[in-house]
Amino acid sequence: GNQGEGLGTGSGNSGGGQGNGVAVKPSVASGRLDPRRDFPVPEGGRSARFGTSVTVVFTVTPEGSAINCSVARSSADTATTALVCGLVSEKIRFNPARTVDGRAVSSRYGYRVDFRER
């Protein structure tokens, strides 16, 4: 597409398709996931999770909510991994993507939770 993602041949300004014209990508407006507070202690204790991470991808709606979440990558245990999408939807609000004319639109976004020793 000619701007952003879109259907059609070509890319960049030479594209022949109709792009979605996203000028500003989504970003976190408020909230975050706290690896100690938001996740129960795994079997084997918190140290069993140190050094792992979970990356999820989802759609940020024009209203700033996360929907259609899926796990893109995880090195954490399955119980921890299973919690991330629900927690993102519950605890984090996003600034939506915006078109060049300032209109809020849906857009895909990725979020990573790192479990580090503290």
PDB file of N, CA and C in Angstrom:
ATOM      1  N   GLY A   1       0.807  -1.187   0.000  1.00  0.00           N
ATOM      2  CA  GLY A   1       0.000   0.000   0.000  1.00  0.00           C
ATOM      3  C   GLY A   1       0.842   1.238   0.000  1.00  0.00           C
ATOM      4  N   ASN A   2       0.242   2.327  -0.223  1.00  0.00           N
ATOM      5  CA  ASN A   2       0.997   3.556  -0.388  1.00  0.00           C
ATOM      6  C   ASN A   2       1.423   4.173   0.938  1.00  0.00           C
ATOM      7  N   GLN A   3       0.683   3.989   2.007  1.00  0.00           N
ATOM      8  CA  GLN A   3       1.087   4.428   3.337  1.00  0.00           C
ATOM      9  C   GLN A   3       0.684   3.358   4.327  1.00  0.00           C
ATOM     10  N   GLY A   4       1.600   2.933   5.161  1.00  0.00           N
ATOM     11  CA  GLY A   4       1.257   1.930   6.157  1.00  0.00           C
ATOM     12  C   GLY A   4       0.890   0.617   5.507  1.00  0.00           C
ATOM     13  N   GLU A   5       0.084  -0.158   6.178  1.00  0.00           N
ATOM     14  CA  GLU A   5      -0.344  -1.444   5.658  1.00  0.00           C
ATOM     15  C   GLU A   5      -1.511  -1.239   4.717  1.00  0.00           C
ATOM     16  N   GLY A   6      -1.616  -2.084   3.738  1.00  0.00           N
ATOM     17  CA  GLY A   6      -2.753  -1.967   2.837  1.00  0.00           C
ATOM     18  C   GLY A   6      -2.729  -3.054   1.794  1.00  0.00           C
ATOM     19  N   LEU A   7      -3.728  -3.060   0.971  1.00  0.00           N
ATOM     20  CA  LEU A   7      -3.823  -4.025  -0.103  1.00  0.00           C
ATOM     21  C   LEU A   7      -3.299  -3.396  -1.377  1.00  0.00           C
ATOM     22  N   GLY A   8      -2.686  -4.175  -2.195  1.00  0.00           N
ATOM     23  CA  GLY A   8      -2.210  -3.658  -3.468  1.00  0.00           C
ATOM     24  C   GLY A   8      -0.764  -4.020  -3.693  1.00  0.00           C
ATOM     25  N   THR A   9      -0.294  -3.697  -4.871  1.00  0.00           N
ATOM     26  CA  THR A   9       1.084  -4.002  -5.224  1.00  0.00           C
ATOM     27  C   THR A   9       1.972  -2.829  -4.882  1.00  0.00           C
ATOM     28  N   GLY A  10       3.239  -3.083  -4.767  1.00  0.00           N
ATOM     29  CA  GLY A  10       4.185  -2.008  -4.505  1.00  0.00           C
ATOM     30  C   GLY A  10       4.324  -1.737  -3.021  1.00  0.00           C
ATOM     31  N   SER A  11       5.173  -0.805  -2.698  1.00  0.00           N
ATOM     32  CA  SER A  11       5.376  -0.435  -1.308  1.00  0.00           C
ATOM     33  C   SER A  11       5.823   1.013  -1.251  1.00  0.00           C
ATOM     34  N   GLY A  12       5.808   1.582  -0.052  1.00  0.00           N
ATOM     35  CA  GLY A  12       6.207   2.972   0.096  1.00  0.00           C
ATOM     36  C   GLY A  12       5.300   3.885  -0.702  1.00  0.00           C
ATOM     37  N   ASN A  13       5.822   5.007  -1.130  1.00  0.00           N
ATOM     38  CA  ASN A  13       5.020   5.965  -1.872  1.00  0.00           C
ATOM     39  C   ASN A  13       4.767   5.533  -3.301  1.00  0.00           C
ATOM     40  N   SER A  14       5.423   4.465  -3.746  1.00  0.00           N
ATOM     41  CA  SER A  14       5.226   3.982  -5.111  1.00  0.00           C
ATOM     42  C   SER A  14       4.136   2.929  -5.193  1.00  0.00           C
ATOM     43  N   GLY A  15       3.512   2.603  -4.080  1.00  0.00           N
ATOM     44  CA  GLY A  15       2.513   1.545  -4.050  1.00  0.00           C
ATOM     45  C   GLY A  15       1.274   1.914  -4.838  1.00  0.00           C
ATOM     46  N   GLY A  16       0.644   0.870  -5.352  1.00  0.00           N
ATOM     47  CA  GLY A  16      -0.576   1.078  -6.102  1.00  0.00           C
ATOM     48  C   GLY A  16      -1.820   0.805  -5.291  1.00  0.00           C
ATOM     49  N   GLY A  17      -1.643   0.373  -4.026  1.00  0.00           N
ATOM     50  CA  GLY A  17      -2.803   0.018  -3.210  1.00  0.00           C
ATOM     51  C   GLY A  17      -3.232   1.142  -2.302  1.00  0.00           C
ATOM     52  N   GLN A  18      -4.346   0.924  -1.630  1.00  0.00           N
ATOM     53  CA  GLN A  18      -4.884   1.890  -0.681  1.00  0.00           C
ATOM     54  C   GLN A  18      -4.367   1.538   0.704  1.00  0.00           C
ATOM     55  N   GLY A  19      -3.480   2.314   1.255  1.00  0.00           N
ATOM     56  CA  GLY A  19      -2.932   2.042   2.576  1.00  0.00           C
ATOM     57  C   GLY A  19      -3.858   2.543   3.666  1.00  0.00           C
ATOM     58  N   ASN A  20      -3.558   2.160   4.919  1.00  0.00           N
ATOM     59  CA  ASN A  20      -4.412   2.621   6.010  1.00  0.00           C
ATOM     60  C   ASN A  20      -3.967   3.966   6.570  1.00  0.00           C
ATOM     61  N   GLY A  21      -2.828   4.475   6.120  1.00  0.00           N
ATOM     62  CA  GLY A  21      -2.403   5.808   6.491  1.00  0.00           C
ATOM     63  C   GLY A  21      -2.077   6.010   7.951  1.00  0.00           C
ATOM     64  N   VAL A  22      -1.582   4.985   8.655  1.00  0.00           N
ATOM     65  CA  VAL A  22      -1.238   5.136  10.062  1.00  0.00           C
ATOM     66  C   VAL A  22      -0.008   6.027  10.164  1.00  0.00           C
ATOM     67  N   ALA A  23      -0.168   7.154  10.832  1.00  0.00           N
ATOM     68  CA  ALA A  23       0.927   8.092  11.019  1.00  0.00           C
ATOM     69  C   ALA A  23       1.556   7.938  12.399  1.00  0.00           C
ATOM     70  N   VAL A  24       0.760   7.518  13.385  1.00  0.00           N
ATOM     71  CA  VAL A  24       1.232   7.332  14.752  1.00  0.00           C
ATOM     72  C   VAL A  24       0.863   5.924  15.193  1.00  0.00           C
ATOM     73  N   LYS A  25       1.857   5.158  15.606  1.00  0.00           N
ATOM     74  CA  LYS A  25       1.611   3.789  16.058  1.00  0.00           C
ATOM     75  C   LYS A  25       1.013   3.798  17.463  1.00  0.00           C
ATOM     76  N   PRO A  26       0.362   2.692  17.868  1.00  0.00           N
ATOM     77  CA  PRO A  26      -0.176   2.626  19.233  1.00  0.00           C
ATOM     78  C   PRO A  26       0.962   2.642  20.255  1.00  0.00           C
ATOM     79  N   SER A  27       0.632   3.034  21.481  1.00  0.00           N
ATOM     80  CA  SER A  27       1.599   3.046  22.573  1.00  0.00           C
ATOM     81  C   SER A  27       0.854   2.837  23.893  1.00  0.00           C
ATOM     82  N   VAL A  28       1.602   2.522  24.940  1.00  0.00           N
ATOM     83  CA  VAL A  28       1.002   2.337  26.262  1.00  0.00           C
ATOM     84  C   VAL A  28       0.615   3.702  26.824  1.00  0.00           C
ATOM     85  N   ALA A  29      -0.634   3.843  27.229  1.00  0.00           N
ATOM     86  CA  ALA A  29      -1.112   5.087  27.843  1.00  0.00           C
ATOM     87  C   ALA A  29      -0.962   5.016  29.365  1.00  0.00           C
ATOM     88  N   SER A  30      -1.340   3.877  29.942  1.00  0.00           N
ATOM     89  CA  SER A  30      -1.227   3.705  31.389  1.00  0.00           C
ATOM     90  C   SER A  30      -1.236   2.228  31.737  1.00  0.00           C
ATOM     91  N   GLY A  31      -0.627   1.936  32.866  1.00  0.00           N
ATOM     92  CA  GLY A  31      -0.583   0.569  33.360  1.00  0.00           C
ATOM     93  C   GLY A  31       0.626  -0.187  32.863  1.00  0.00           C
ATOM     94  N   ARG A  32       0.897  -1.288  33.507  1.00  0.00           N
ATOM     95  CA  ARG A  32       1.952  -2.206  33.106  1.00  0.00           C
ATOM     96  C   ARG A  32       1.757  -3.498  33.882  1.00  0.00           C
ATOM     97  N   LEU A  33       2.405  -4.536  33.452  1.00  0.00           N
ATOM     98  CA  LEU A  33       2.342  -5.789  34.186  1.00  0.00           C
ATOM     99  C   LEU A  33       3.571  -5.881  35.073  1.00  0.00           C
ATOM    100  N   ASP A  34       3.336  -6.183  36.335  1.00  0.00           N
ATOM    101  CA  ASP A  34       4.409  -6.332  37.308  1.00  0.00           C
ATOM    102  C   ASP A  34       4.645  -7.827  37.521  1.00  0.00           C
ATOM    103  N   PRO A  35       5.808  -8.332  37.123  1.00  0.00           N
ATOM    104  CA  PRO A  35       6.067  -9.773  37.238  1.00  0.00           C
ATOM    105  C   PRO A  35       5.928 -10.336  38.647  1.00  0.00           C
ATOM    106  N   ARG A  36       6.164  -9.530  39.672  1.00  0.00           N
ATOM    107  CA  ARG A  36       6.038 -10.028  41.043  1.00  0.00           C
ATOM    108  C   ARG A  36       4.602  -9.927  41.555  1.00  0.00           C
ATOM    109  N   ARG A  37       3.939  -8.841  41.270  1.00  0.00           N
ATOM    110  CA  ARG A  37       2.603  -8.594  41.812  1.00  0.00           C
ATOM    111  C   ARG A  37       1.502  -9.298  41.017  1.00  0.00           C
ATOM    112  N   ASP A  38       1.628  -9.331  39.690  1.00  0.00           N
ATOM    113  CA  ASP A  38       0.533  -9.793  38.838  1.00  0.00           C
ATOM    114  C   ASP A  38       0.535 -11.291  38.539  1.00  0.00           C
ATOM    115  N   PHE A  39       1.607 -11.972  38.889  1.00  0.00           N
ATOM    116  CA  PHE A  39       1.706 -13.395  38.563  1.00  0.00           C
ATOM    117  C   PHE A  39       1.920 -14.205  39.830  1.00  0.00           C
ATOM    118  N   PRO A  40       1.182 -15.308  39.981  1.00  0.00           N
ATOM    119  CA  PRO A  40       1.388 -16.147  41.162  1.00  0.00           C
ATOM    120  C   PRO A  40       2.777 -16.787  41.127  1.00  0.00           C
ATOM    121  N   VAL A  41       3.242 -17.160  42.303  1.00  0.00           N
ATOM    122  CA  VAL A  41       4.541 -17.821  42.400  1.00  0.00           C
ATOM    123  C   VAL A  41       4.444 -19.174  41.695  1.00  0.00           C
ATOM    124  N   PRO A  42       5.337 -19.425  40.728  1.00  0.00           N
ATOM    125  CA  PRO A  42       5.275 -20.704  40.010  1.00  0.00           C
ATOM    126  C   PRO A  42       5.812 -21.857  40.860  1.00  0.00           C
ATOM    127  N   GLU A  43       5.523 -23.047  40.415  1.00  0.00           N
ATOM    128  CA  GLU A  43       6.084 -24.225  41.072  1.00  0.00           C
ATOM    129  C   GLU A  43       7.603 -24.100  41.003  1.00  0.00           C
ATOM    130  N   GLY A  44       8.250 -24.307  42.115  1.00  0.00           N
ATOM    131  CA  GLY A  44       9.701 -24.150  42.167  1.00  0.00           C
ATOM    132  C   GLY A  44      10.128 -22.759  42.622  1.00  0.00           C
ATOM    133  N   GLY A  45       9.156 -21.881  42.906  1.00  0.00           N
ATOM    134  CA  GLY A  45       9.465 -20.533  43.377  1.00  0.00           C
ATOM    135  C   GLY A  45       9.713 -19.552  42.241  1.00  0.00           C
ATOM    136  N   ARG A  46       9.794 -18.273  42.586  1.00  0.00           N
ATOM    137  CA  ARG A  46       9.985 -17.223  41.581  1.00  0.00           C
ATOM    138  C   ARG A  46      11.263 -17.409  40.779  1.00  0.00           C
ATOM    139  N   SER A  47      12.282 -17.967  41.411  1.00  0.00           N
ATOM    140  CA  SER A  47      13.559 -18.144  40.703  1.00  0.00           C
ATOM    141  C   SER A  47      13.418 -19.088  39.513  1.00  0.00           C
ATOM    142  N   ALA A  48      12.396 -19.938  39.515  1.00  0.00           N
ATOM    143  CA  ALA A  48      12.184 -20.850  38.390  1.00  0.00           C
ATOM    144  C   ALA A  48      11.808 -20.085  37.122  1.00  0.00           C
ATOM    145  N   ARG A  49      11.334 -18.856  37.272  1.00  0.00           N
ATOM    146  CA  ARG A  49      10.884 -18.051  36.143  1.00  0.00           C
ATOM    147  C   ARG A  49      11.926 -17.017  35.711  1.00  0.00           C
ATOM    148  N   PHE A  50      12.965 -16.795  36.528  1.00  0.00           N
ATOM    149  CA  PHE A  50      13.961 -15.770  36.215  1.00  0.00           C
ATOM    150  C   PHE A  50      14.588 -16.016  34.847  1.00  0.00           C
ATOM    151  N   GLY A  51      14.733 -14.942  34.101  1.00  0.00           N
ATOM    152  CA  GLY A  51      15.372 -15.029  32.789  1.00  0.00           C
ATOM    153  C   GLY A  51      14.437 -15.416  31.664  1.00  0.00           C
ATOM    154  N   THR A  52      13.150 -15.580  31.959  1.00  0.00           N
ATOM    155  CA  THR A  52      12.194 -15.935  30.907  1.00  0.00           C
ATOM    156  C   THR A  52      11.394 -14.702  30.505  1.00  0.00           C
ATOM    157  N   SER A  53      10.653 -14.824  29.423  1.00  0.00           N
ATOM    158  CA  SER A  53       9.809 -13.718  28.977  1.00  0.00           C
ATOM    159  C   SER A  53       8.627 -14.269  28.186  1.00  0.00           C
ATOM    160  N   VAL A  54       7.611 -13.435  28.050  1.00  0.00           N
ATOM    161  CA  VAL A  54       6.439 -13.763  27.238  1.00  0.00           C
ATOM    162  C   VAL A  54       6.158 -12.547  26.359  1.00  0.00           C
ATOM    163  N   THR A  55       6.044 -12.775  25.054  1.00  0.00           N
ATOM    164  CA  THR A  55       5.688 -11.721  24.116  1.00  0.00           C
ATOM    165  C   THR A  55       4.332 -12.046  23.524  1.00  0.00           C
ATOM    166  N   VAL A  56       3.421 -11.074  23.587  1.00  0.00           N
ATOM    167  CA  VAL A  56       2.088 -11.243  23.016  1.00  0.00           C
ATOM    168  C   VAL A  56       1.864 -10.172  21.946  1.00  0.00           C
ATOM    169  N   VAL A  57       0.986 -10.477  21.009  1.00  0.00           N
ATOM    170  CA  VAL A  57       0.570  -9.507  19.997  1.00  0.00           C
ATOM    171  C   VAL A  57      -0.949  -9.420  20.028  1.00  0.00           C
ATOM    172  N   PHE A  58      -1.478  -8.228  19.770  1.00  0.00           N
ATOM    173  CA  PHE A  58      -2.912  -8.012  19.853  1.00  0.00           C
ATOM    174  C   PHE A  58      -3.268  -6.784  19.046  1.00  0.00           C
ATOM    175  N   THR A  59      -4.557  -6.542  18.926  1.00  0.00           N
ATOM    176  CA  THR A  59      -5.051  -5.348  18.255  1.00  0.00           C
ATOM    177  C   THR A  59      -5.414  -4.313  19.304  1.00  0.00           C
ATOM    178  N   VAL A  60      -4.912  -3.099  19.129  1.00  0.00           N
ATOM    179  CA  VAL A  60      -5.324  -1.976  19.964  1.00  0.00           C
ATOM    180  C   VAL A  60      -6.477  -1.298  19.236  1.00  0.00           C
ATOM    181  N   THR A  61      -7.617  -1.225  19.898  1.00  0.00           N
ATOM    182  CA  THR A  61      -8.812  -0.627  19.296  1.00  0.00           C
ATOM    183  C   THR A  61      -8.714   0.898  19.304  1.00  0.00           C
ATOM    184  N   PRO A  62      -9.562   1.575  18.555  1.00  0.00           N
ATOM    185  CA  PRO A  62      -9.579   3.041  18.602  1.00  0.00           C
ATOM    186  C   PRO A  62      -9.872   3.590  20.005  1.00  0.00           C
ATOM    187  N   GLU A  63     -10.501   2.776  20.857  1.00  0.00           N
ATOM    188  CA  GLU A  63     -10.804   3.189  22.231  1.00  0.00           C
ATOM    189  C   GLU A  63      -9.644   2.915  23.190  1.00  0.00           C
ATOM    190  N   GLY A  64      -8.581   2.260  22.716  1.00  0.00           N
ATOM    191  CA  GLY A  64      -7.408   2.006  23.545  1.00  0.00           C
ATOM    192  C   GLY A  64      -7.403   0.691  24.287  1.00  0.00           C
ATOM    193  N   SER A  65      -8.269  -0.241  23.913  1.00  0.00           N
ATOM    194  CA  SER A  65      -8.310  -1.559  24.545  1.00  0.00           C
ATOM    195  C   SER A  65      -7.548  -2.571  23.703  1.00  0.00           C
ATOM    196  N   ALA A  66      -7.093  -3.646  24.355  1.00  0.00           N
ATOM    197  CA  ALA A  66      -6.413  -4.741  23.667  1.00  0.00           C
ATOM    198  C   ALA A  66      -7.413  -5.863  23.398  1.00  0.00           C
ATOM    199  N   ILE A  67      -7.499  -6.313  22.140  1.00  0.00           N
ATOM    200  CA  ILE A  67      -8.375  -7.433  21.770  1.00  0.00           C
ATOM    201  C   ILE A  67      -7.597  -8.381  20.864  1.00  0.00           C
ATOM    202  N   ASN A  68      -8.123  -9.564  20.672  1.00  0.00           N
ATOM    203  CA  ASN A  68      -7.539 -10.563  19.769  1.00  0.00           C
ATOM    204  C   ASN A  68      -6.071 -10.835  20.086  1.00  0.00           C
ATOM    205  N   CYS A  69      -5.803 -11.080  21.349  1.00  0.00           N
ATOM    206  CA  CYS A  69      -4.441 -11.310  21.828  1.00  0.00           C
ATOM    207  C   CYS A  69      -4.010 -12.754  21.595  1.00  0.00           C
ATOM    208  N   SER A  70      -2.749 -12.926  21.217  1.00  0.00           N
ATOM    209  CA  SER A  70      -2.176 -14.271  21.102  1.00  0.00           C
ATOM    210  C   SER A  70      -0.711 -14.214  21.510  1.00  0.00           C
ATOM    211  N   VAL A  71      -0.200 -15.348  21.936  1.00  0.00           N
ATOM    212  CA  VAL A  71       1.196 -15.443  22.357  1.00  0.00           C
ATOM    213  C   VAL A  71       2.060 -15.597  21.109  1.00  0.00           C
ATOM    214  N   ALA A  72       3.037 -14.711  20.970  1.00  0.00           N
ATOM    215  CA  ALA A  72       3.965 -14.778  19.838  1.00  0.00           C
ATOM    216  C   ALA A  72       5.197 -15.597  20.198  1.00  0.00           C
ATOM    217  N   ARG A  73       5.647 -15.476  21.461  1.00  0.00           N
ATOM    218  CA  ARG A  73       6.854 -16.178  21.894  1.00  0.00           C
ATOM    219  C   ARG A  73       6.844 -16.260  23.408  1.00  0.00           C
ATOM    220  N   SER A  74       7.294 -17.388  23.929  1.00  0.00           N
ATOM    221  CA  SER A  74       7.379 -17.530  25.377  1.00  0.00           C
ATOM    222  C   SER A  74       8.475 -18.505  25.760  1.00  0.00           C
ATOM    223  N   SER A  75       9.227 -18.118  26.795  1.00  0.00           N
ATOM    224  CA  SER A  75      10.183 -19.041  27.391  1.00  0.00           C
ATOM    225  C   SER A  75       9.780 -19.320  28.840  1.00  0.00           C
ATOM    226  N   ALA A  76       8.618 -18.804  29.246  1.00  0.00           N
ATOM    227  CA  ALA A  76       8.092 -19.008  30.602  1.00  0.00           C
ATOM    228  C   ALA A  76       7.262 -20.283  30.654  1.00  0.00           C
ATOM    229  N   ASP A  77       6.929 -20.698  31.849  1.00  0.00           N
ATOM    230  CA  ASP A  77       6.094 -21.886  32.036  1.00  0.00           C
ATOM    231  C   ASP A  77       4.702 -21.646  31.444  1.00  0.00           C
ATOM    232  N   THR A  78       3.987 -22.709  31.154  1.00  0.00           N
ATOM    233  CA  THR A  78       2.685 -22.592  30.484  1.00  0.00           C
ATOM    234  C   THR A  78       1.643 -21.857  31.323  1.00  0.00           C
ATOM    235  N   ALA A  79       1.678 -22.022  32.642  1.00  0.00           N
ATOM    236  CA  ALA A  79       0.703 -21.339  33.501  1.00  0.00           C
ATOM    237  C   ALA A  79       0.918 -19.823  33.451  1.00  0.00           C
ATOM    238  N   THR A  80       2.154 -19.386  33.477  1.00  0.00           N
ATOM    239  CA  THR A  80       2.467 -17.959  33.388  1.00  0.00           C
ATOM    240  C   THR A  80       2.077 -17.427  32.022  1.00  0.00           C
ATOM    241  N   THR A  81       2.460 -18.136  30.987  1.00  0.00           N
ATOM    242  CA  THR A  81       2.164 -17.722  29.614  1.00  0.00           C
ATOM    243  C   THR A  81       0.664 -17.534  29.421  1.00  0.00           C
ATOM    244  N   ALA A  82      -0.124 -18.436  29.973  1.00  0.00           N
ATOM    245  CA  ALA A  82      -1.578 -18.395  29.803  1.00  0.00           C
ATOM    246  C   ALA A  82      -2.216 -17.156  30.439  1.00  0.00           C
ATOM    247  N   LEU A  83      -1.553 -16.529  31.379  1.00  0.00           N
ATOM    248  CA  LEU A  83      -2.123 -15.367  32.070  1.00  0.00           C
ATOM    249  C   LEU A  83      -1.903 -14.041  31.339  1.00  0.00           C
ATOM    250  N   VAL A  84      -0.887 -13.958  30.499  1.00  0.00           N
ATOM    251  CA  VAL A  84      -0.455 -12.658  29.978  1.00  0.00           C
ATOM    252  C   VAL A  84      -1.533 -11.932  29.175  1.00  0.00           C
ATOM    253  N   CYS A  85      -2.183 -12.578  28.234  1.00  0.00           N
ATOM    254  CA  CYS A  85      -3.192 -11.886  27.415  1.00  0.00           C
ATOM    255  C   CYS A  85      -4.312 -11.294  28.272  1.00  0.00           C
ATOM    256  N   GLY A  86      -4.817 -12.054  29.216  1.00  0.00           N
ATOM    257  CA  GLY A  86      -5.879 -11.547  30.084  1.00  0.00           C
ATOM    258  C   GLY A  86      -5.426 -10.367  30.920  1.00  0.00           C
ATOM    259  N   LEU A  87      -4.197 -10.428  31.421  1.00  0.00           N
ATOM    260  CA  LEU A  87      -3.680  -9.336  32.235  1.00  0.00           C
ATOM    261  C   LEU A  87      -3.458  -8.074  31.407  1.00  0.00           C
ATOM    262  N   VAL A  88      -2.974  -8.229  30.175  1.00  0.00           N
ATOM    263  CA  VAL A  88      -2.789  -7.069  29.297  1.00  0.00           C
ATOM    264  C   VAL A  88      -4.132  -6.377  29.076  1.00  0.00           C
ATOM    265  N   SER A  89      -5.156  -7.161  28.764  1.00  0.00           N
ATOM    266  CA  SER A  89      -6.491  -6.590  28.517  1.00  0.00           C
ATOM    267  C   SER A  89      -7.065  -5.916  29.758  1.00  0.00           C
ATOM    268  N   GLU A  90      -6.789  -6.483  30.905  1.00  0.00           N
ATOM    269  CA  GLU A  90      -7.346  -5.984  32.166  1.00  0.00           C
ATOM    270  C   GLU A  90      -6.603  -4.776  32.728  1.00  0.00           C
ATOM    271  N   LYS A  91      -5.289  -4.763  32.650  1.00  0.00           N
ATOM    272  CA  LYS A  91      -4.499  -3.792  33.397  1.00  0.00           C
ATOM    273  C   LYS A  91      -3.863  -2.673  32.585  1.00  0.00           C
ATOM    274  N   ILE A  92      -3.861  -2.768  31.266  1.00  0.00           N
ATOM    275  CA  ILE A  92      -3.154  -1.766  30.468  1.00  0.00           C
ATOM    276  C   ILE A  92      -4.114  -1.075  29.510  1.00  0.00           C
ATOM    277  N   ARG A  93      -3.987   0.230  29.404  1.00  0.00           N
ATOM    278  CA  ARG A  93      -4.734   1.016  28.418  1.00  0.00           C
ATOM    279  C   ARG A  93      -3.728   1.592  27.440  1.00  0.00           C
ATOM    280  N   PHE A  94      -4.165   1.722  26.205  1.00  0.00           N
ATOM    281  CA  PHE A  94      -3.267   2.120  25.134  1.00  0.00           C
ATOM    282  C   PHE A  94      -3.734   3.397  24.451  1.00  0.00           C
ATOM    283  N   ASN A  95      -2.779   4.122  23.907  1.00  0.00           N
ATOM    284  CA  ASN A  95      -3.073   5.207  22.981  1.00  0.00           C
ATOM    285  C   ASN A  95      -3.230   4.532  21.628  1.00  0.00           C
ATOM    286  N   PRO A  96      -4.338   4.722  20.945  1.00  0.00           N
ATOM    287  CA  PRO A  96      -4.533   4.035  19.670  1.00  0.00           C
ATOM    288  C   PRO A  96      -3.638   4.604  18.572  1.00  0.00           C
ATOM    289  N   ALA A  97      -3.505   3.835  17.498  1.00  0.00           N
ATOM    290  CA  ALA A  97      -2.837   4.349  16.303  1.00  0.00           C
ATOM    291  C   ALA A  97      -3.701   5.472  15.744  1.00  0.00           C
ATOM    292  N   ARG A  98      -3.068   6.389  15.059  1.00  0.00           N
ATOM    293  CA  ARG A  98      -3.806   7.505  14.462  1.00  0.00           C
ATOM    294  C   ARG A  98      -3.385   7.676  13.012  1.00  0.00           C
ATOM    295  N   THR A  99      -4.373   8.027  12.194  1.00  0.00           N
ATOM    296  CA  THR A  99      -4.110   8.304  10.789  1.00  0.00           C
ATOM    297  C   THR A  99      -3.474   9.686  10.661  1.00  0.00           C
ATOM    298  N   VAL A 100      -3.031  10.013   9.460  1.00  0.00           N
ATOM    299  CA  VAL A 100      -2.416  11.316   9.233  1.00  0.00           C
ATOM    300  C   VAL A 100      -3.367  12.458   9.553  1.00  0.00           C
ATOM    301  N   ASP A 101      -4.667  12.211   9.477  1.00  0.00           N
ATOM    302  CA  ASP A 101      -5.632  13.268   9.804  1.00  0.00           C
ATOM    303  C   ASP A 101      -6.092  13.213  11.266  1.00  0.00           C
ATOM    304  N   GLY A 102      -5.433  12.368  12.104  1.00  0.00           N
ATOM    305  CA  GLY A 102      -5.716  12.333  13.534  1.00  0.00           C
ATOM    306  C   GLY A 102      -6.792  11.376  13.982  1.00  0.00           C
ATOM    307  N   ARG A 103      -7.374  10.616  13.061  1.00  0.00           N
ATOM    308  CA  ARG A 103      -8.443   9.678  13.405  1.00  0.00           C
ATOM    309  C   ARG A 103      -7.853   8.425  14.058  1.00  0.00           C
ATOM    310  N   ALA A 104      -8.419   8.006  15.208  1.00  0.00           N
ATOM    311  CA  ALA A 104      -7.982   6.790  15.892  1.00  0.00           C
ATOM    312  C   ALA A 104      -8.434   5.574  15.101  1.00  0.00           C
ATOM    313  N   VAL A 105      -7.519   4.607  14.920  1.00  0.00           N
ATOM    314  CA  VAL A 105      -7.820   3.390  14.173  1.00  0.00           C
ATOM    315  C   VAL A 105      -7.234   2.182  14.901  1.00  0.00           C
ATOM    316  N   SER A 106      -7.753   1.012  14.594  1.00  0.00           N
ATOM    317  CA  SER A 106      -7.226  -0.235  15.137  1.00  0.00           C
ATOM    318  C   SER A 106      -5.874  -0.528  14.510  1.00  0.00           C
ATOM    319  N   SER A 107      -4.984  -1.123  15.308  1.00  0.00           N
ATOM    320  CA  SER A 107      -3.666  -1.477  14.800  1.00  0.00           C
ATOM    321  C   SER A 107      -3.069  -2.570  15.678  1.00  0.00           C
ATOM    322  N   ARG A 108      -2.208  -3.396  15.109  1.00  0.00           N
ATOM    323  CA  ARG A 108      -1.545  -4.460  15.866  1.00  0.00           C
ATOM    324  C   ARG A 108      -0.412  -3.884  16.699  1.00  0.00           C
ATOM    325  N   TYR A 109      -0.155  -4.549  17.841  1.00  0.00           N
ATOM    326  CA  TYR A 109       0.860  -4.078  18.785  1.00  0.00           C
ATOM    327  C   TYR A 109       1.436  -5.289  19.507  1.00  0.00           C
ATOM    328  N   GLY A 110       2.677  -5.215  19.908  1.00  0.00           N
ATOM    329  CA  GLY A 110       3.316  -6.283  20.664  1.00  0.00           C
ATOM    330  C   GLY A 110       3.730  -5.795  22.041  1.00  0.00           C
ATOM    331  N   TYR A 111       3.667  -6.688  23.018  1.00  0.00           N
ATOM    332  CA  TYR A 111       4.022  -6.351  24.399  1.00  0.00           C
ATOM    333  C   TYR A 111       4.808  -7.517  24.980  1.00  0.00           C
ATOM    334  N   ARG A 112       5.896  -7.199  25.682  1.00  0.00           N
ATOM    335  CA  ARG A 112       6.761  -8.242  26.244  1.00  0.00           C
ATOM    336  C   ARG A 112       6.858  -8.077  27.757  1.00  0.00           C
ATOM    337  N   VAL A 113       6.715  -9.184  28.472  1.00  0.00           N
ATOM    338  CA  VAL A 113       6.917  -9.219  29.921  1.00  0.00           C
ATOM    339  C   VAL A 113       8.203  -9.991  30.172  1.00  0.00           C
ATOM    340  N   ASP A 114       9.156  -9.343  30.838  1.00  0.00           N
ATOM    341  CA  ASP A 114      10.420  -9.984  31.195  1.00  0.00           C
ATOM    342  C   ASP A 114      10.404 -10.322  32.674  1.00  0.00           C
ATOM    343  N   PHE A 115      10.791 -11.518  32.983  1.00  0.00           N
ATOM    344  CA  PHE A 115      10.868 -11.966  34.373  1.00  0.00           C
ATOM    345  C   PHE A 115      12.344 -11.953  34.783  1.00  0.00           C
ATOM    346  N   ARG A 116      12.710 -10.895  35.498  1.00  0.00           N
ATOM    347  CA  ARG A 116      14.094 -10.702  35.918  1.00  0.00           C
ATOM    348  C   ARG A 116      14.182 -10.822  37.432  1.00  0.00           C
ATOM    349  N   GLU A 117      15.321 -11.270  37.883  1.00  0.00           N
ATOM    350  CA  GLU A 117      15.555 -11.364  39.327  1.00  0.00           C
ATOM    351  C   GLU A 117      15.645  -9.954  39.906  1.00  0.00           C
ATOM    352  N   ARG A 118      15.043  -9.760  41.070  1.00  0.00           N
ATOM    353  CA  ARG A 118      15.115  -8.457  41.747  1.00  0.00           C
ATOM    354  C   ARG A 118      15.610  -8.644  43.140  1.00  0.00           C
TER     355      ARG A 118
END
